[in-house]
Amino acid sequence: MEIKNPYDKTGQWLRGAFHNHTSNSDGWFPLETVYKMYAEYDFLGISDHDLITKHEGMRRIPTVFEAIEVSSKQTHMLLVNPPHSIMTDYSNEFTIANYQRLTDRTVDNGGFSVLVHPNRYFSNYWNVEDMLKLERYIGIEVYNGDGNPEYDIAFDKWDALLSAGRKVWGFGNDDSHVYGQEKRVWNMVLAADNSNEAITAAIKDGSFYVSTGFGFEAIRTEGSKIIADFRSNALLDGMYKYATLFGKDGRVLKEVTGRFKQIEYECAGDEEYVRISVYLEGGFGAFSQPLFIG
């Protein structure tokens, strides 16, 4: 049995997000203010609607990413590190051909594409059928902090894609527009260093997890066993937790509740993938990428 573990590497955990807005599109605040809102992040992307906002001015954030949110009336897509030439014949029209063209140009530029808020059913949501038609995107937003958790959490669509054989990662982003939406959900990336190149490489490898306030110290394997070590200190160890491991079609493989700082799972070989979801007392969560079972 082979377990493909995206966390089987050394590096440092870096906190950041890729999907945020400024007053250049429909955000309430200029870029300078958004920088201050996220001053303690290790990296940050700005993704205004249908335009590339240039990073400029004073900031404490070490690493920044240019991005764009392709915003048709039907579905939205996040492009991180798109080429500026993409704006020459830019269109946000939702057709698979157009979204594929924009994705291809971004990937060929060294960036990546993410399908965002796929469960926002009142507007701009993705059908699984269309998600399966599009190629080369790297992941979907499984947790979007802009809306209501009832419609902006998309683990169901993630499981649908994974179960159909698509290797896609799960992202968490604030999609921030106003005060109060910042630092709701972020990505913790295990990167070699804090640079665009290292973070991008780690993202493409799936070496990150989504957090709303809790986290993993490490996720490792020993033979056919998966071991997850959770963030640990005197306070966290005494708090109640709820962890679930999911496999193909969202099947629950194992559930653990109580005051623990580690869980283990012995793979049977038929799971196809294993992803871990854990909640800390108070509702703060952490959500791993899938470990694919060969």
Foldseek 3Di string as FASTA:
>chain_A
DDWFDLQPDAFAWFWEAAAAEAPVAQFPHHPVVVLVLPQPGQEYHYEHEPDWDDDDDDHNHPYYWIWYWLDDFAAIKIQTQADNCCSVPDDSDDDLVNVLVRQVRRVVRVIAMETEQQQQVVTRHDDLVSVVVHDGHAAYAQEEQQDDPVRRHPVQSVLVCVLVVHQHWYFYHLSDRYPPSPLQKIKIFGFRDSYPVGRSVRVSSQRIKMWRPWAWPGWDDDVQKIKTFTDDDPVQLQWKKWKFKAFHSRHTDDIDIDRDGMDMDGDPQPRQWIKMWMATPVGIIMIGTITGRD
